[in-house]
């Protein structure tokens, strides 16, 4: 049987405390404040989302949880999400017959 990991994104709202994983035009965040991926402007003027290096994420999570954390098994999913953001695929759920958030 194939193992599947599901993640739920929380909405980042101004002044709200977000305890989980969230994303918006400012990037992909953990606990509302720690940026896992951030937007940059490339040489052609397009917005692209850059994922933090694995070592930075693992060190930050290890410090937060006070135990060693190896984020390597989650990097592929994070890079996938960053590619969707770069492509402007905010309503990816619509492709599966689900309305976009707020629709």
PDB file of N, CA and C in Angstrom:
ATOM      1  N   UNK A   1       0.847  -1.179   0.000  1.00  0.00           N
ATOM      2  CA  UNK A   1       0.000   0.000   0.000  1.00  0.00           C
ATOM      3  C   UNK A   1       0.892   1.242   0.000  1.00  0.00           C
ATOM      4  N   UNK A   2       0.532   2.233  -0.769  1.00  0.00           N
ATOM      5  CA  UNK A   2       1.290   3.470  -0.854  1.00  0.00           C
ATOM      6  C   UNK A   2       0.930   4.380   0.304  1.00  0.00           C
ATOM      7  N   UNK A   3       1.961   4.924   0.949  1.00  0.00           N
ATOM      8  CA  UNK A   3       1.733   5.850   2.054  1.00  0.00           C
ATOM      9  C   UNK A   3       1.521   7.248   1.502  1.00  0.00           C
ATOM     10  N   UNK A   4       0.547   7.967   2.044  1.00  0.00           N
ATOM     11  CA  UNK A   4       0.273   9.326   1.613  1.00  0.00           C
ATOM     12  C   UNK A   4       0.221  10.233   2.835  1.00  0.00           C
ATOM     13  N   UNK A   5       0.905  11.361   2.738  1.00  0.00           N
ATOM     14  CA  UNK A   5       0.880  12.336   3.805  1.00  0.00           C
ATOM     15  C   UNK A   5       0.049  13.521   3.352  1.00  0.00           C
ATOM     16  N   UNK A   6      -0.949  13.888   4.124  1.00  0.00           N
ATOM     17  CA  UNK A   6      -1.783  15.031   3.809  1.00  0.00           C
ATOM     18  C   UNK A   6      -1.407  16.195   4.703  1.00  0.00           C
ATOM     19  N   UNK A   7      -1.383  17.373   4.122  1.00  0.00           N
ATOM     20  CA  UNK A   7      -1.109  18.588   4.873  1.00  0.00           C
ATOM     21  C   UNK A   7      -2.262  19.551   4.677  1.00  0.00           C
ATOM     22  N   UNK A   8      -2.600  20.263   5.695  1.00  0.00           N
ATOM     23  CA  UNK A   8      -3.649  21.263   5.604  1.00  0.00           C
ATOM     24  C   UNK A   8      -3.009  22.635   5.766  1.00  0.00           C
ATOM     25  N   UNK A   9      -3.284  23.518   4.829  1.00  0.00           N
ATOM     26  CA  UNK A   9      -2.763  24.874   4.913  1.00  0.00           C
ATOM     27  C   UNK A   9      -3.735  25.755   5.681  1.00  0.00           C
ATOM     28  N   UNK A  10      -3.199  26.543   6.564  1.00  0.00           N
ATOM     29  CA  UNK A  10      -3.996  27.509   7.310  1.00  0.00           C
ATOM     30  C   UNK A  10      -3.937  28.842   6.584  1.00  0.00           C
ATOM     31  N   UNK A  11      -4.960  29.639   6.747  1.00  0.00           N
ATOM     32  CA  UNK A  11      -4.967  30.960   6.144  1.00  0.00           C
ATOM     33  C   UNK A  11      -4.193  31.923   7.026  1.00  0.00           C
ATOM     34  N   UNK A  12      -3.266  32.669   6.417  1.00  0.00           N
ATOM     35  CA  UNK A  12      -2.529  33.701   7.146  1.00  0.00           C
ATOM     36  C   UNK A  12      -3.368  34.960   7.113  1.00  0.00           C
ATOM     37  N   UNK A  13      -3.716  35.464   8.257  1.00  0.00           N
ATOM     38  CA  UNK A  13      -4.479  36.702   8.343  1.00  0.00           C
ATOM     39  C   UNK A  13      -3.721  37.683   9.212  1.00  0.00           C
ATOM     40  N   UNK A  14      -3.827  38.926   8.874  1.00  0.00           N
ATOM     41  CA  UNK A  14      -3.122  39.960   9.616  1.00  0.00           C
ATOM     42  C   UNK A  14      -3.489  39.902  11.095  1.00  0.00           C
ATOM     43  N   UNK A  15      -2.473  39.777  11.943  1.00  0.00           N
ATOM     44  CA  UNK A  15      -2.683  39.764  13.379  1.00  0.00           C
ATOM     45  C   UNK A  15      -3.128  38.437  13.959  1.00  0.00           C
ATOM     46  N   UNK A  16      -3.428  37.455  13.115  1.00  0.00           N
ATOM     47  CA  UNK A  16      -3.892  36.161  13.604  1.00  0.00           C
ATOM     48  C   UNK A  16      -2.698  35.269  13.932  1.00  0.00           C
ATOM     49  N   UNK A  17      -2.872  34.405  14.923  1.00  0.00           N
ATOM     50  CA  UNK A  17      -1.845  33.429  15.270  1.00  0.00           C
ATOM     51  C   UNK A  17      -2.104  32.164  14.467  1.00  0.00           C
ATOM     52  N   UNK A  18      -1.133  31.776  13.672  1.00  0.00           N
ATOM     53  CA  UNK A  18      -1.240  30.569  12.854  1.00  0.00           C
ATOM     54  C   UNK A  18      -0.264  29.552  13.417  1.00  0.00           C
ATOM     55  N   UNK A  19      -0.751  28.410  13.826  1.00  0.00           N
ATOM     56  CA  UNK A  19       0.110  27.403  14.435  1.00  0.00           C
ATOM     57  C   UNK A  19       0.619  26.365  13.450  1.00  0.00           C
ATOM     58  N   UNK A  20       0.028  26.297  12.290  1.00  0.00           N
ATOM     59  CA  UNK A  20       0.423  25.268  11.338  1.00  0.00           C
ATOM     60  C   UNK A  20       1.143  25.817  10.133  1.00  0.00           C
ATOM     61  N   UNK A  21       0.971  25.133   9.025  1.00  0.00           N
ATOM     62  CA  UNK A  21       1.571  25.494   7.759  1.00  0.00           C
ATOM     63  C   UNK A  21       0.622  26.436   7.036  1.00  0.00           C
ATOM     64  N   UNK A  22       1.163  27.512   6.475  1.00  0.00           N
ATOM     65  CA  UNK A  22       0.320  28.473   5.763  1.00  0.00           C
ATOM     66  C   UNK A  22       1.073  29.024   4.566  1.00  0.00           C
ATOM     67  N   UNK A  23       0.326  29.587   3.625  1.00  0.00           N
ATOM     68  CA  UNK A  23       0.971  30.251   2.498  1.00  0.00           C
ATOM     69  C   UNK A  23       0.084  31.362   1.976  1.00  0.00           C
ATOM     70  N   UNK A  24       0.731  32.336   1.395  1.00  0.00           N
ATOM     71  CA  UNK A  24       0.079  33.425   0.700  1.00  0.00           C
ATOM     72  C   UNK A  24       1.091  34.028  -0.246  1.00  0.00           C
ATOM     73  N   UNK A  25       0.823  35.204  -0.780  1.00  0.00           N
ATOM     74  CA  UNK A  25       1.749  35.803  -1.741  1.00  0.00           C
ATOM     75  C   UNK A  25       3.107  36.139  -1.130  1.00  0.00           C
ATOM     76  N   UNK A  26       3.199  36.149   0.206  1.00  0.00           N
ATOM     77  CA  UNK A  26       4.466  36.421   0.878  1.00  0.00           C
ATOM     78  C   UNK A  26       5.328  35.179   1.055  1.00  0.00           C
ATOM     79  N   UNK A  27       4.796  33.998   0.764  1.00  0.00           N
ATOM     80  CA  UNK A  27       5.579  32.780   0.855  1.00  0.00           C
ATOM     81  C   UNK A  27       4.862  31.649   1.558  1.00  0.00           C
ATOM     82  N   UNK A  28       5.637  30.652   1.943  1.00  0.00           N
ATOM     83  CA  UNK A  28       5.142  29.486   2.682  1.00  0.00           C
ATOM     84  C   UNK A  28       5.732  29.583   4.082  1.00  0.00           C
ATOM     85  N   UNK A  29       4.881  29.492   5.090  1.00  0.00           N
ATOM     86  CA  UNK A  29       5.298  29.739   6.466  1.00  0.00           C
ATOM     87  C   UNK A  29       4.922  28.591   7.392  1.00  0.00           C
ATOM     88  N   UNK A  30       5.695  28.440   8.437  1.00  0.00           N
ATOM     89  CA  UNK A  30       5.391  27.522   9.521  1.00  0.00           C
ATOM     90  C   UNK A  30       5.171  28.357  10.759  1.00  0.00           C
ATOM     91  N   UNK A  31       4.090  28.110  11.445  1.00  0.00           N
ATOM     92  CA  UNK A  31       3.696  28.865  12.636  1.00  0.00           C
ATOM     93  C   UNK A  31       3.514  30.346  12.335  1.00  0.00           C
ATOM     94  N   UNK A  32       3.145  30.653  11.117  1.00  0.00           N
ATOM     95  CA  UNK A  32       2.807  32.009  10.735  1.00  0.00           C
ATOM     96  C   UNK A  32       3.964  32.956  10.512  1.00  0.00           C
ATOM     97  N   UNK A  33       5.141  32.647  11.061  1.00  0.00           N
ATOM     98  CA  UNK A  33       6.243  33.593  10.998  1.00  0.00           C
ATOM     99  C   UNK A  33       7.517  33.058  10.358  1.00  0.00           C
ATOM    100  N   UNK A  34       7.755  31.771  10.414  1.00  0.00           N
ATOM    101  CA  UNK A  34       9.004  31.219   9.889  1.00  0.00           C
ATOM    102  C   UNK A  34       8.825  30.885   8.409  1.00  0.00           C
ATOM    103  N   UNK A  35       9.504  31.637   7.544  1.00  0.00           N
ATOM    104  CA  UNK A  35       9.368  31.451   6.095  1.00  0.00           C
ATOM    105  C   UNK A  35      10.147  30.233   5.622  1.00  0.00           C
ATOM    106  N   UNK A  36       9.436  29.277   5.062  1.00  0.00           N
ATOM    107  CA  UNK A  36      10.062  28.109   4.448  1.00  0.00           C
ATOM    108  C   UNK A  36      10.405  28.400   2.997  1.00  0.00           C
ATOM    109  N   UNK A  37       9.624  29.268   2.363  1.00  0.00           N
ATOM    110  CA  UNK A  37       9.861  29.703   0.983  1.00  0.00           C
ATOM    111  C   UNK A  37       9.462  31.168   0.888  1.00  0.00           C
ATOM    112  N   UNK A  38      10.274  31.937   0.178  1.00  0.00           N
ATOM    113  CA  UNK A  38      10.025  33.373   0.072  1.00  0.00           C
ATOM    114  C   UNK A  38      10.007  33.802  -1.392  1.00  0.00           C
ATOM    115  N   UNK A  39       9.269  34.879  -1.700  1.00  0.00           N
ATOM    116  CA  UNK A  39       9.249  35.369  -3.072  1.00  0.00           C
ATOM    117  C   UNK A  39      10.468  36.241  -3.370  1.00  0.00           C
ATOM    118  N   UNK A  40      11.003  36.064  -4.551  1.00  0.00           N
ATOM    119  CA  UNK A  40      12.090  36.897  -5.061  1.00  0.00           C
ATOM    120  C   UNK A  40      11.712  37.320  -6.474  1.00  0.00           C
ATOM    121  N   UNK A  41      12.355  38.354  -6.974  1.00  0.00           N
ATOM    122  CA  UNK A  41      12.147  38.768  -8.354  1.00  0.00           C
ATOM    123  C   UNK A  41      13.352  38.310  -9.161  1.00  0.00           C
ATOM    124  N   UNK A  42      13.090  37.552 -10.228  1.00  0.00           N
ATOM    125  CA  UNK A  42      14.208  37.054 -11.042  1.00  0.00           C
ATOM    126  C   UNK A  42      14.680  38.127 -12.023  1.00  0.00           C
ATOM    127  N   UNK A  43      15.659  37.801 -12.835  1.00  0.00           N
ATOM    128  CA  UNK A  43      16.267  38.763 -13.758  1.00  0.00           C
ATOM    129  C   UNK A  43      15.283  39.292 -14.797  1.00  0.00           C
ATOM    130  N   UNK A  44      14.219  38.544 -15.053  1.00  0.00           N
ATOM    131  CA  UNK A  44      13.221  38.979 -16.035  1.00  0.00           C
ATOM    132  C   UNK A  44      12.068  39.742 -15.400  1.00  0.00           C
ATOM    133  N   UNK A  45      12.152  39.949 -14.076  1.00  0.00           N
ATOM    134  CA  UNK A  45      11.117  40.698 -13.377  1.00  0.00           C
ATOM    135  C   UNK A  45       9.945  39.865 -12.895  1.00  0.00           C
ATOM    136  N   UNK A  46      10.046  38.547 -13.011  1.00  0.00           N
ATOM    137  CA  UNK A  46       8.968  37.661 -12.555  1.00  0.00           C
ATOM    138  C   UNK A  46       9.180  37.253 -11.101  1.00  0.00           C
ATOM    139  N   UNK A  47       8.084  37.071 -10.406  1.00  0.00           N
ATOM    140  CA  UNK A  47       8.143  36.604  -9.017  1.00  0.00           C
ATOM    141  C   UNK A  47       8.354  35.104  -9.012  1.00  0.00           C
ATOM    142  N   UNK A  48       9.366  34.664  -8.283  1.00  0.00           N
ATOM    143  CA  UNK A  48       9.638  33.244  -8.094  1.00  0.00           C
ATOM    144  C   UNK A  48       9.773  32.987  -6.597  1.00  0.00           C
ATOM    145  N   UNK A  49       9.411  31.792  -6.173  1.00  0.00           N
ATOM    146  CA  UNK A  49       9.490  31.441  -4.759  1.00  0.00           C
ATOM    147  C   UNK A  49      10.698  30.548  -4.529  1.00  0.00           C
ATOM    148  N   UNK A  50      11.556  30.965  -3.619  1.00  0.00           N
ATOM    149  CA  UNK A  50      12.782  30.232  -3.302  1.00  0.00           C
ATOM    150  C   UNK A  50      12.606  29.535  -1.960  1.00  0.00           C
ATOM    151  N   UNK A  51      12.898  28.247  -1.950  1.00  0.00           N
ATOM    152  CA  UNK A  51      12.829  27.450  -0.722  1.00  0.00           C
ATOM    153  C   UNK A  51      14.119  27.662   0.065  1.00  0.00           C
ATOM    154  N   UNK A  52      13.992  27.835   1.369  1.00  0.00           N
ATOM    155  CA  UNK A  52      15.182  27.935   2.226  1.00  0.00           C
ATOM    156  C   UNK A  52      16.010  26.662   2.102  1.00  0.00           C
ATOM    157  N   UNK A  53      17.307  26.762   2.274  1.00  0.00           N
ATOM    158  CA  UNK A  53      18.143  25.558   2.253  1.00  0.00           C
ATOM    159  C   UNK A  53      17.744  24.573   3.364  1.00  0.00           C
ATOM    160  N   UNK A  54      17.870  23.306   3.064  1.00  0.00           N
ATOM    161  CA  UNK A  54      17.523  22.239   4.009  1.00  0.00           C
ATOM    162  C   UNK A  54      18.196  22.440   5.368  1.00  0.00           C
ATOM    163  N   UNK A  55      19.473  22.757   5.367  1.00  0.00           N
ATOM    164  CA  UNK A  55      20.200  22.901   6.634  1.00  0.00           C
ATOM    165  C   UNK A  55      19.587  23.994   7.504  1.00  0.00           C
ATOM    166  N   UNK A  56      19.189  25.113   6.907  1.00  0.00           N
ATOM    167  CA  UNK A  56      18.576  26.205   7.676  1.00  0.00           C
ATOM    168  C   UNK A  56      17.259  25.770   8.301  1.00  0.00           C
ATOM    169  N   UNK A  57      16.443  25.075   7.514  1.00  0.00           N
ATOM    170  CA  UNK A  57      15.147  24.625   8.023  1.00  0.00           C
ATOM    171  C   UNK A  57      15.348  23.613   9.150  1.00  0.00           C
ATOM    172  N   UNK A  58      16.230  22.648   8.945  1.00  0.00           N
ATOM    173  CA  UNK A  58      16.469  21.625   9.976  1.00  0.00           C
ATOM    174  C   UNK A  58      17.006  22.239  11.265  1.00  0.00           C
ATOM    175  N   UNK A  59      17.920  23.198  11.155  1.00  0.00           N
ATOM    176  CA  UNK A  59      18.467  23.851  12.353  1.00  0.00           C
ATOM    177  C   UNK A  59      17.378  24.631  13.089  1.00  0.00           C
ATOM    178  N   UNK A  60      16.568  25.374  12.345  1.00  0.00           N
ATOM    179  CA  UNK A  60      15.505  26.174  12.973  1.00  0.00           C
ATOM    180  C   UNK A  60      14.480  25.278  13.676  1.00  0.00           C
ATOM    181  N   UNK A  61      14.074  24.200  13.016  1.00  0.00           N
ATOM    182  CA  UNK A  61      13.104  23.296  13.627  1.00  0.00           C
ATOM    183  C   UNK A  61      13.707  22.556  14.815  1.00  0.00           C
ATOM    184  N   UNK A  62      14.955  22.192  14.720  1.00  0.00           N
ATOM    185  CA  UNK A  62      15.623  21.531  15.845  1.00  0.00           C
ATOM    186  C   UNK A  62      15.663  22.454  17.061  1.00  0.00           C
ATOM    187  N   UNK A  63      15.944  23.727  16.829  1.00  0.00           N
ATOM    188  CA  UNK A  63      15.963  24.692  17.935  1.00  0.00           C
ATOM    189  C   UNK A  63      14.562  24.876  18.516  1.00  0.00           C
ATOM    190  N   UNK A  64      13.558  24.945  17.650  1.00  0.00           N
ATOM    191  CA  UNK A  64      12.183  25.149  18.113  1.00  0.00           C
ATOM    192  C   UNK A  64      11.668  23.960  18.922  1.00  0.00           C
ATOM    193  N   UNK A  65      11.984  22.757  18.469  1.00  0.00           N
ATOM    194  CA  UNK A  65      11.476  21.553  19.131  1.00  0.00           C
ATOM    195  C   UNK A  65      12.439  20.974  20.164  1.00  0.00           C
ATOM    196  N   UNK A  66      13.624  21.578  20.269  1.00  0.00           N
ATOM    197  CA  UNK A  66      14.642  21.157  21.230  1.00  0.00           C
ATOM    198  C   UNK A  66      15.018  19.685  21.090  1.00  0.00           C
ATOM    199  N   UNK A  67      15.070  19.254  19.853  1.00  0.00           N
ATOM    200  CA  UNK A  67      15.530  17.898  19.508  1.00  0.00           C
ATOM    201  C   UNK A  67      15.911  17.901  18.034  1.00  0.00           C
ATOM    202  N   UNK A  68      16.762  16.992  17.616  1.00  0.00           N
ATOM    203  CA  UNK A  68      17.185  16.983  16.210  1.00  0.00           C
ATOM    204  C   UNK A  68      16.004  16.762  15.252  1.00  0.00           C
ATOM    205  N   UNK A  69      15.929  17.591  14.238  1.00  0.00           N
ATOM    206  CA  UNK A  69      14.896  17.466  13.208  1.00  0.00           C
ATOM    207  C   UNK A  69      15.596  17.409  11.856  1.00  0.00           C
ATOM    208  N   UNK A  70      15.251  16.404  11.067  1.00  0.00           N
ATOM    209  CA  UNK A  70      15.765  16.267   9.708  1.00  0.00           C
ATOM    210  C   UNK A  70      14.581  16.479   8.766  1.00  0.00           C
ATOM    211  N   UNK A  71      14.579  17.612   8.086  1.00  0.00           N
ATOM    212  CA  UNK A  71      13.460  18.002   7.228  1.00  0.00           C
ATOM    213  C   UNK A  71      13.594  17.440   5.812  1.00  0.00           C
ATOM    214  N   UNK A  72      14.633  16.654   5.553  1.00  0.00           N
ATOM    215  CA  UNK A  72      14.936  16.225   4.184  1.00  0.00           C
ATOM    216  C   UNK A  72      13.790  15.473   3.506  1.00  0.00           C
ATOM    217  N   UNK A  73      13.029  14.688   4.248  1.00  0.00           N
ATOM    218  CA  UNK A  73      11.941  13.927   3.625  1.00  0.00           C
ATOM    219  C   UNK A  73      10.743  14.795   3.256  1.00  0.00           C
ATOM    220  N   UNK A  74      10.755  16.069   3.633  1.00  0.00           N
ATOM    221  CA  UNK A  74       9.661  16.998   3.316  1.00  0.00           C
ATOM    222  C   UNK A  74      10.046  18.017   2.240  1.00  0.00           C
ATOM    223  N   UNK A  75      11.320  18.058   1.866  1.00  0.00           N
ATOM    224  CA  UNK A  75      11.787  19.073   0.923  1.00  0.00           C
ATOM    225  C   UNK A  75      11.145  18.955  -0.458  1.00  0.00           C
ATOM    226  N   UNK A  76      10.923  17.756  -0.944  1.00  0.00           N
ATOM    227  CA  UNK A  76      10.311  17.592  -2.272  1.00  0.00           C
ATOM    228  C   UNK A  76       8.920  18.223  -2.298  1.00  0.00           C
ATOM    229  N   UNK A  77       8.147  17.995  -1.253  1.00  0.00           N
ATOM    230  CA  UNK A  77       6.810  18.589  -1.180  1.00  0.00           C
ATOM    231  C   UNK A  77       6.855  20.103  -1.081  1.00  0.00           C
ATOM    232  N   UNK A  78       7.820  20.613  -0.328  1.00  0.00           N
ATOM    233  CA  UNK A  78       7.977  22.059  -0.190  1.00  0.00           C
ATOM    234  C   UNK A  78       8.375  22.679  -1.532  1.00  0.00           C
ATOM    235  N   UNK A  79       9.286  22.047  -2.236  1.00  0.00           N
ATOM    236  CA  UNK A  79       9.685  22.551  -3.557  1.00  0.00           C
ATOM    237  C   UNK A  79       8.515  22.502  -4.548  1.00  0.00           C
ATOM    238  N   UNK A  80       7.717  21.465  -4.444  1.00  0.00           N
ATOM    239  CA  UNK A  80       6.532  21.329  -5.295  1.00  0.00           C
ATOM    240  C   UNK A  80       5.574  22.494  -5.044  1.00  0.00           C
ATOM    241  N   UNK A  81       5.318  22.802  -3.777  1.00  0.00           N
ATOM    242  CA  UNK A  81       4.430  23.912  -3.425  1.00  0.00           C
ATOM    243  C   UNK A  81       5.001  25.242  -3.919  1.00  0.00           C
ATOM    244  N   UNK A  82       6.306  25.434  -3.790  1.00  0.00           N
ATOM    245  CA  UNK A  82       6.944  26.665  -4.258  1.00  0.00           C
ATOM    246  C   UNK A  82       6.807  26.807  -5.778  1.00  0.00           C
ATOM    247  N   UNK A  83       6.912  25.696  -6.500  1.00  0.00           N
ATOM    248  CA  UNK A  83       6.732  25.748  -7.965  1.00  0.00           C
ATOM    249  C   UNK A  83       5.305  26.162  -8.310  1.00  0.00           C
ATOM    250  N   UNK A  84       4.321  25.651  -7.570  1.00  0.00           N
ATOM    251  CA  UNK A  84       2.924  26.037  -7.795  1.00  0.00           C
ATOM    252  C   UNK A  84       2.736  27.528  -7.544  1.00  0.00           C
ATOM    253  N   UNK A  85       3.319  28.033  -6.475  1.00  0.00           N
ATOM    254  CA  UNK A  85       3.199  29.461  -6.191  1.00  0.00           C
ATOM    255  C   UNK A  85       3.846  30.285  -7.299  1.00  0.00           C
ATOM    256  N   UNK A  86       5.016  29.873  -7.743  1.00  0.00           N
ATOM    257  CA  UNK A  86       5.711  30.581  -8.824  1.00  0.00           C
ATOM    258  C   UNK A  86       4.858  30.595 -10.089  1.00  0.00           C
ATOM    259  N   UNK A  87       4.196  29.498 -10.377  1.00  0.00           N
ATOM    260  CA  UNK A  87       3.355  29.395 -11.573  1.00  0.00           C
ATOM    261  C   UNK A  87       2.026  30.127 -11.420  1.00  0.00           C
ATOM    262  N   UNK A  88       1.747  30.631 -10.219  1.00  0.00           N
ATOM    263  CA  UNK A  88       0.483  31.325  -9.985  1.00  0.00           C
ATOM    264  C   UNK A  88      -0.691  30.382  -9.832  1.00  0.00           C
ATOM    265  N   UNK A  89      -0.418  29.145  -9.441  1.00  0.00           N
ATOM    266  CA  UNK A  89      -1.454  28.121  -9.301  1.00  0.00           C
ATOM    267  C   UNK A  89      -2.096  28.170  -7.920  1.00  0.00           C
ATOM    268  N   UNK A  90      -2.636  29.324  -7.555  1.00  0.00           N
ATOM    269  CA  UNK A  90      -3.255  29.487  -6.234  1.00  0.00           C
ATOM    270  C   UNK A  90      -4.501  28.647  -6.100  1.00  0.00           C
ATOM    271  N   UNK A  91      -5.240  28.439  -7.179  1.00  0.00           N
ATOM    272  CA  UNK A  91      -6.491  27.693  -7.130  1.00  0.00           C
ATOM    273  C   UNK A  91      -6.332  26.265  -7.586  1.00  0.00           C
ATOM    274  N   UNK A  92      -5.224  25.620  -7.229  1.00  0.00           N
ATOM    275  CA  UNK A  92      -4.954  24.259  -7.697  1.00  0.00           C
ATOM    276  C   UNK A  92      -6.074  23.306  -7.324  1.00  0.00           C
ATOM    277  N   UNK A  93      -6.773  23.546  -6.219  1.00  0.00           N
ATOM    278  CA  UNK A  93      -7.874  22.684  -5.803  1.00  0.00           C
ATOM    279  C   UNK A  93      -9.021  22.679  -6.797  1.00  0.00           C
ATOM    280  N   UNK A  94      -9.152  23.752  -7.589  1.00  0.00           N
ATOM    281  CA  UNK A  94     -10.216  23.826  -8.576  1.00  0.00           C
ATOM    282  C   UNK A  94     -10.063  22.736  -9.629  1.00  0.00           C
ATOM    283  N   UNK A  95      -8.818  22.325  -9.890  1.00  0.00           N
ATOM    284  CA  UNK A  95      -8.560  21.299 -10.891  1.00  0.00           C
ATOM    285  C   UNK A  95      -9.205  19.978 -10.508  1.00  0.00           C
ATOM    286  N   UNK A  96      -9.477  19.785  -9.258  1.00  0.00           N
ATOM    287  CA  UNK A  96     -10.014  18.522  -8.759  1.00  0.00           C
ATOM    288  C   UNK A  96     -11.502  18.647  -8.430  1.00  0.00           C
ATOM    289  N   UNK A  97     -12.135  19.684  -8.967  1.00  0.00           N
ATOM    290  CA  UNK A  97     -13.564  19.834  -8.756  1.00  0.00           C
ATOM    291  C   UNK A  97     -13.923  20.537  -7.454  1.00  0.00           C
ATOM    292  N   UNK A  98     -12.924  21.048  -6.748  1.00  0.00           N
ATOM    293  CA  UNK A  98     -13.194  21.755  -5.501  1.00  0.00           C
ATOM    294  C   UNK A  98     -13.075  23.248  -5.771  1.00  0.00           C
ATOM    295  N   UNK A  99     -13.950  24.051  -5.216  1.00  0.00           N
ATOM    296  CA  UNK A  99     -13.831  25.497  -5.403  1.00  0.00           C
ATOM    297  C   UNK A  99     -12.626  26.042  -4.648  1.00  0.00           C
ATOM    298  N   UNK A 100     -12.084  27.132  -5.146  1.00  0.00           N
ATOM    299  CA  UNK A 100     -10.979  27.800  -4.454  1.00  0.00           C
ATOM    300  C   UNK A 100     -11.495  28.405  -3.175  1.00  0.00           C
ATOM    301  N   UNK A 101     -10.588  28.621  -2.217  1.00  0.00           N
ATOM    302  CA  UNK A 101     -10.954  29.225  -0.942  1.00  0.00           C
ATOM    303  C   UNK A 101     -11.628  30.563  -1.185  1.00  0.00           C
ATOM    304  N   UNK A 102     -12.726  30.805  -0.520  1.00  0.00           N
ATOM    305  CA  UNK A 102     -13.423  32.069  -0.621  1.00  0.00           C
ATOM    306  C   UNK A 102     -14.388  32.129  -1.799  1.00  0.00           C
ATOM    307  N   UNK A 103     -14.471  31.057  -2.597  1.00  0.00           N
ATOM    308  CA  UNK A 103     -15.350  31.081  -3.771  1.00  0.00           C
ATOM    309  C   UNK A 103     -16.753  30.671  -3.389  1.00  0.00           C
TER     310      UNK A 103
END
